[in-house]
Amino acid sequence: DFNGHIQGEDFLDTARFPTATFRSTRVVFEGDKPKSVDGQLTIKGITRPVTLNVTSFTTMPHPMLKKPTLGANAFTMIKRSDFNAAKFAPYVADDVRIDIAVEAIAP
C-alpha cells in the first residue's frame, strides 16, 4: 500500500512520469578521483540543478569476470516541493536524501 501511495499522483505520479533522469554537466575532481558531479535532475517533468557528492570511487578488475570495473557511491539532497511532490509538508519532511550506487563493468 505504501509503495502504491508514493507512486501515486500525490507524490511521484509514476503512471504519468515513469522515469527520473540525471544529466551531468560537470565533474569536479580531487586528484584523479571525482569529488562531485553537477547536473540536472528531472522528476515529474520538473528539472532542477543538483550536485551529487561522491563518497567513494574505486576502479579494479572485477573479481569474477576479470574485466575492468568501477564502483561509486554518491548522494544529493533535494526538496520534494521543488518537484511538485510535497504532499503533507511540513508534517512530512520536505528534504529528501537520494543515495546512488553505481557499478560499471567493461564489455
N, C-alpha and C. Protein backbone atom coordinates (compact mmCIF):
# COMPACT_ATOMS: atom_id res chain seq x y z
N ASP A 1 0.82 -1.20 0.00
CA ASP A 1 0.00 0.00 0.00
C ASP A 1 0.86 1.27 0.00
N PHE A 2 1.93 1.24 0.82
CA PHE A 2 2.80 2.41 0.91
C PHE A 2 3.45 2.71 -0.44
N ASN A 3 4.02 1.69 -1.09
CA ASN A 3 4.66 1.89 -2.40
C ASN A 3 3.67 2.44 -3.41
N GLY A 4 2.47 1.91 -3.41
CA GLY A 4 1.43 2.41 -4.32
C GLY A 4 1.11 3.87 -4.06
N HIS A 5 1.04 4.25 -2.78
CA HIS A 5 0.74 5.64 -2.43
C HIS A 5 1.87 6.57 -2.88
N ILE A 6 3.13 6.18 -2.64
CA ILE A 6 4.28 7.01 -3.04
C ILE A 6 4.33 7.15 -4.56
N GLN A 7 3.92 6.12 -5.29
CA GLN A 7 3.94 6.18 -6.74
C GLN A 7 2.72 6.89 -7.32
N GLY A 8 1.76 7.23 -6.47
CA GLY A 8 0.53 7.89 -6.92
C GLY A 8 0.71 9.37 -7.21
N GLU A 9 -0.38 10.02 -7.61
CA GLU A 9 -0.36 11.43 -8.03
C GLU A 9 0.11 12.38 -6.94
N ASP A 10 -0.11 12.05 -5.67
CA ASP A 10 0.29 12.94 -4.58
C ASP A 10 1.80 13.08 -4.44
N PHE A 11 2.54 12.09 -4.92
CA PHE A 11 3.98 12.11 -4.75
C PHE A 11 4.69 12.00 -6.10
N LEU A 12 5.08 10.79 -6.52
CA LEU A 12 5.90 10.65 -7.73
C LEU A 12 5.11 10.52 -9.03
N ASP A 13 3.85 10.17 -8.96
CA ASP A 13 2.98 10.07 -10.15
C ASP A 13 3.65 9.26 -11.26
N THR A 14 4.06 8.04 -10.91
CA THR A 14 4.81 7.21 -11.87
C THR A 14 3.98 6.76 -13.06
N ALA A 15 2.67 6.83 -13.00
CA ALA A 15 1.86 6.49 -14.17
C ALA A 15 2.12 7.50 -15.29
N ARG A 16 2.23 8.78 -14.94
CA ARG A 16 2.49 9.83 -15.94
C ARG A 16 3.97 10.10 -16.15
N PHE A 17 4.77 9.86 -15.11
CA PHE A 17 6.21 10.15 -15.16
C PHE A 17 6.98 8.92 -14.69
N PRO A 18 7.12 7.90 -15.53
CA PRO A 18 7.70 6.62 -15.09
C PRO A 18 9.21 6.64 -14.82
N THR A 19 9.90 7.69 -15.25
CA THR A 19 11.35 7.73 -15.04
C THR A 19 11.78 9.06 -14.44
N ALA A 20 12.85 9.01 -13.69
CA ALA A 20 13.57 10.20 -13.24
C ALA A 20 14.92 10.14 -13.95
N THR A 21 15.45 11.29 -14.32
CA THR A 21 16.73 11.30 -15.04
C THR A 21 17.70 12.29 -14.40
N PHE A 22 18.97 12.00 -14.56
CA PHE A 22 20.04 12.91 -14.16
C PHE A 22 20.99 13.03 -15.34
N ARG A 23 21.28 14.25 -15.73
CA ARG A 23 22.22 14.51 -16.82
C ARG A 23 23.35 15.37 -16.26
N SER A 24 24.55 14.82 -16.29
CA SER A 24 25.69 15.54 -15.73
C SER A 24 26.12 16.69 -16.64
N THR A 25 26.61 17.75 -16.01
CA THR A 25 27.11 18.90 -16.75
C THR A 25 28.57 19.21 -16.41
N ARG A 26 29.05 18.69 -15.25
CA ARG A 26 30.42 18.96 -14.84
C ARG A 26 30.83 17.97 -13.76
N VAL A 27 32.07 17.51 -13.83
CA VAL A 27 32.64 16.65 -12.80
C VAL A 27 33.81 17.39 -12.17
N VAL A 28 33.80 17.47 -10.85
CA VAL A 28 34.88 18.10 -10.11
C VAL A 28 35.75 17.00 -9.52
N PHE A 29 37.06 17.07 -9.80
CA PHE A 29 37.99 16.05 -9.34
C PHE A 29 38.81 16.54 -8.15
N GLU A 30 39.18 15.61 -7.32
CA GLU A 30 40.17 15.83 -6.26
C GLU A 30 41.27 14.82 -6.55
N GLY A 31 42.36 15.31 -7.12
CA GLY A 31 43.38 14.40 -7.63
C GLY A 31 42.83 13.70 -8.85
N ASP A 32 42.88 12.36 -8.86
CA ASP A 32 42.39 11.61 -10.02
C ASP A 32 41.03 10.98 -9.77
N LYS A 33 40.34 11.39 -8.69
CA LYS A 33 39.03 10.81 -8.38
C LYS A 33 37.96 11.90 -8.36
N PRO A 34 36.75 11.56 -8.83
CA PRO A 34 35.67 12.55 -8.80
C PRO A 34 35.26 12.85 -7.36
N LYS A 35 35.07 14.12 -7.09
CA LYS A 35 34.61 14.58 -5.76
C LYS A 35 33.12 14.91 -5.79
N SER A 36 32.68 15.49 -6.92
CA SER A 36 31.26 15.83 -7.08
C SER A 36 30.91 15.87 -8.56
N VAL A 37 29.61 15.73 -8.81
CA VAL A 37 29.10 15.77 -10.18
C VAL A 37 27.91 16.72 -10.19
N ASP A 38 28.01 17.80 -10.95
CA ASP A 38 26.90 18.73 -11.12
C ASP A 38 26.05 18.27 -12.29
N GLY A 39 24.77 18.54 -12.20
CA GLY A 39 23.90 18.16 -13.31
C GLY A 39 22.47 18.60 -13.10
N GLN A 40 21.62 18.09 -13.97
CA GLN A 40 20.20 18.42 -13.98
C GLN A 40 19.39 17.16 -13.63
N LEU A 41 18.60 17.24 -12.57
CA LEU A 41 17.74 16.14 -12.13
C LEU A 41 16.31 16.45 -12.56
N THR A 42 15.68 15.49 -13.23
CA THR A 42 14.29 15.66 -13.65
C THR A 42 13.44 14.62 -12.95
N ILE A 43 12.45 15.10 -12.22
CA ILE A 43 11.45 14.26 -11.55
C ILE A 43 10.09 14.87 -11.85
N LYS A 44 9.14 14.06 -12.26
CA LYS A 44 7.78 14.52 -12.59
C LYS A 44 7.79 15.61 -13.66
N GLY A 45 8.75 15.54 -14.59
CA GLY A 45 8.82 16.51 -15.67
C GLY A 45 9.40 17.85 -15.26
N ILE A 46 9.87 17.97 -14.01
CA ILE A 46 10.45 19.21 -13.50
C ILE A 46 11.96 19.01 -13.36
N THR A 47 12.73 19.93 -13.93
CA THR A 47 14.19 19.81 -13.93
C THR A 47 14.79 20.88 -13.03
N ARG A 48 15.70 20.44 -12.17
CA ARG A 48 16.40 21.33 -11.24
C ARG A 48 17.88 20.96 -11.20
N PRO A 49 18.76 21.93 -10.95
CA PRO A 49 20.18 21.61 -10.80
C PRO A 49 20.43 20.93 -9.45
N VAL A 50 21.30 19.94 -9.45
CA VAL A 50 21.72 19.28 -8.21
C VAL A 50 23.21 18.96 -8.31
N THR A 51 23.80 18.71 -7.16
CA THR A 51 25.19 18.26 -7.10
C THR A 51 25.21 16.92 -6.39
N LEU A 52 25.78 15.92 -7.06
CA LEU A 52 26.00 14.62 -6.43
C LEU A 52 27.34 14.68 -5.72
N ASN A 53 27.36 14.39 -4.43
CA ASN A 53 28.59 14.34 -3.65
C ASN A 53 29.10 12.92 -3.67
N VAL A 54 30.26 12.70 -4.27
CA VAL A 54 30.81 11.36 -4.42
C VAL A 54 31.50 10.98 -3.10
N THR A 55 31.04 9.88 -2.50
CA THR A 55 31.59 9.45 -1.22
C THR A 55 32.60 8.32 -1.36
N SER A 56 32.55 7.60 -2.48
CA SER A 56 33.57 6.58 -2.76
C SER A 56 33.65 6.37 -4.26
N PHE A 57 34.86 6.03 -4.73
CA PHE A 57 35.09 5.78 -6.15
C PHE A 57 36.28 4.82 -6.24
N THR A 58 36.06 3.67 -6.84
CA THR A 58 37.11 2.66 -6.92
C THR A 58 37.12 2.05 -8.31
N THR A 59 38.31 1.82 -8.84
CA THR A 59 38.47 1.07 -10.09
C THR A 59 39.35 -0.14 -9.78
N MET A 60 38.97 -1.28 -10.36
CA MET A 60 39.74 -2.50 -10.15
C MET A 60 39.22 -3.58 -11.09
N PRO A 61 39.97 -4.63 -11.32
CA PRO A 61 39.44 -5.74 -12.10
C PRO A 61 38.31 -6.42 -11.32
N HIS A 62 37.23 -6.74 -12.03
CA HIS A 62 36.13 -7.46 -11.40
C HIS A 62 36.65 -8.81 -10.90
N PRO A 63 36.39 -9.18 -9.64
CA PRO A 63 37.00 -10.40 -9.09
C PRO A 63 36.57 -11.69 -9.80
N MET A 64 35.38 -11.71 -10.39
CA MET A 64 34.92 -12.94 -11.06
C MET A 64 35.06 -12.85 -12.57
N LEU A 65 34.72 -11.68 -13.14
CA LEU A 65 34.72 -11.52 -14.60
C LEU A 65 36.08 -11.15 -15.16
N LYS A 66 36.98 -10.69 -14.30
CA LYS A 66 38.33 -10.29 -14.72
C LYS A 66 38.32 -9.18 -15.77
N LYS A 67 37.33 -8.30 -15.69
CA LYS A 67 37.22 -7.15 -16.59
C LYS A 67 37.37 -5.87 -15.78
N PRO A 68 37.86 -4.79 -16.43
CA PRO A 68 37.94 -3.51 -15.72
C PRO A 68 36.56 -3.09 -15.20
N THR A 69 36.52 -2.66 -13.95
CA THR A 69 35.27 -2.31 -13.29
C THR A 69 35.47 -1.06 -12.44
N LEU A 70 34.42 -0.26 -12.34
CA LEU A 70 34.47 0.85 -11.39
C LEU A 70 33.20 0.82 -10.55
N GLY A 71 33.34 1.27 -9.34
CA GLY A 71 32.21 1.39 -8.43
C GLY A 71 32.23 2.75 -7.78
N ALA A 72 31.06 3.31 -7.55
CA ALA A 72 30.99 4.63 -6.94
C ALA A 72 29.71 4.74 -6.13
N ASN A 73 29.77 5.57 -5.11
CA ASN A 73 28.60 5.93 -4.31
C ASN A 73 28.54 7.44 -4.24
N ALA A 74 27.33 7.98 -4.30
CA ALA A 74 27.13 9.43 -4.24
C ALA A 74 25.77 9.71 -3.62
N PHE A 75 25.59 10.96 -3.19
CA PHE A 75 24.29 11.36 -2.66
C PHE A 75 24.04 12.82 -3.00
N THR A 76 22.77 13.20 -2.93
CA THR A 76 22.37 14.58 -3.04
C THR A 76 21.15 14.78 -2.15
N MET A 77 20.89 16.01 -1.82
CA MET A 77 19.70 16.38 -1.05
C MET A 77 18.81 17.23 -1.95
N ILE A 78 17.52 16.92 -1.95
CA ILE A 78 16.55 17.72 -2.71
C ILE A 78 15.39 18.08 -1.80
N LYS A 79 14.59 19.02 -2.24
CA LYS A 79 13.32 19.34 -1.58
C LYS A 79 12.21 18.75 -2.43
N ARG A 80 11.33 17.99 -1.79
CA ARG A 80 10.19 17.42 -2.52
C ARG A 80 9.37 18.51 -3.19
N SER A 81 9.25 19.65 -2.51
CA SER A 81 8.44 20.75 -3.05
C SER A 81 8.99 21.28 -4.36
N ASP A 82 10.30 21.15 -4.59
CA ASP A 82 10.89 21.61 -5.86
C ASP A 82 10.41 20.76 -7.05
N PHE A 83 9.88 19.57 -6.76
CA PHE A 83 9.47 18.64 -7.81
C PHE A 83 7.97 18.32 -7.73
N ASN A 84 7.22 19.23 -7.13
CA ASN A 84 5.76 19.06 -7.03
C ASN A 84 5.39 17.72 -6.39
N ALA A 85 6.09 17.37 -5.31
CA ALA A 85 5.84 16.11 -4.61
C ALA A 85 5.80 16.32 -3.10
N ALA A 86 5.30 17.46 -2.65
CA ALA A 86 5.40 17.84 -1.24
C ALA A 86 4.12 17.60 -0.44
N LYS A 87 3.33 16.62 -0.83
CA LYS A 87 2.11 16.32 -0.08
C LYS A 87 2.45 16.14 1.40
N PHE A 88 1.67 16.74 2.26
CA PHE A 88 1.77 16.66 3.73
C PHE A 88 2.94 17.44 4.31
N ALA A 89 3.70 18.17 3.49
CA ALA A 89 4.75 19.03 4.06
C ALA A 89 4.08 20.21 4.75
N PRO A 90 4.53 20.67 5.86
CA PRO A 90 5.78 20.34 6.53
C PRO A 90 5.66 19.19 7.54
N TYR A 91 4.52 18.56 7.62
CA TYR A 91 4.35 17.48 8.59
C TYR A 91 5.17 16.25 8.23
N VAL A 92 5.39 16.06 6.95
CA VAL A 92 6.33 15.05 6.45
C VAL A 92 7.47 15.85 5.81
N ALA A 93 8.70 15.55 6.18
CA ALA A 93 9.85 16.36 5.77
C ALA A 93 9.88 16.65 4.28
N ASP A 94 10.24 17.87 3.95
CA ASP A 94 10.39 18.29 2.56
C ASP A 94 11.76 17.87 2.02
N ASP A 95 12.76 17.81 2.89
CA ASP A 95 14.11 17.43 2.48
C ASP A 95 14.22 15.92 2.34
N VAL A 96 14.81 15.49 1.20
CA VAL A 96 14.98 14.07 0.92
C VAL A 96 16.42 13.84 0.47
N ARG A 97 17.03 12.81 1.00
CA ARG A 97 18.38 12.43 0.56
C ARG A 97 18.23 11.32 -0.47
N ILE A 98 18.88 11.49 -1.61
CA ILE A 98 18.91 10.46 -2.65
C ILE A 98 20.31 9.86 -2.66
N ASP A 99 20.39 8.55 -2.45
CA ASP A 99 21.66 7.83 -2.48
C ASP A 99 21.75 7.04 -3.78
N ILE A 100 22.92 7.07 -4.40
CA ILE A 100 23.13 6.41 -5.68
C ILE A 100 24.35 5.50 -5.58
N ALA A 101 24.19 4.26 -6.00
CA ALA A 101 25.30 3.31 -6.08
C ALA A 101 25.44 2.89 -7.54
N VAL A 102 26.68 2.92 -8.04
CA VAL A 102 26.94 2.60 -9.45
C VAL A 102 28.03 1.55 -9.54
N GLU A 103 27.81 0.57 -10.43
CA GLU A 103 28.86 -0.37 -10.79
C GLU A 103 28.87 -0.44 -12.31
N ALA A 104 30.03 -0.24 -12.91
CA ALA A 104 30.15 -0.30 -14.36
C ALA A 104 31.25 -1.30 -14.70
N ILE A 105 30.91 -2.24 -15.60
CA ILE A 105 31.84 -3.30 -16.00
C ILE A 105 32.11 -3.15 -17.49
N ALA A 106 33.37 -3.13 -17.87
CA ALA A 106 33.74 -3.01 -19.28
C ALA A 106 33.17 -4.20 -20.07
N PRO A 107 32.78 -3.96 -21.32
CA PRO A 107 32.23 -5.07 -22.12
C PRO A 107 33.28 -6.12 -22.44
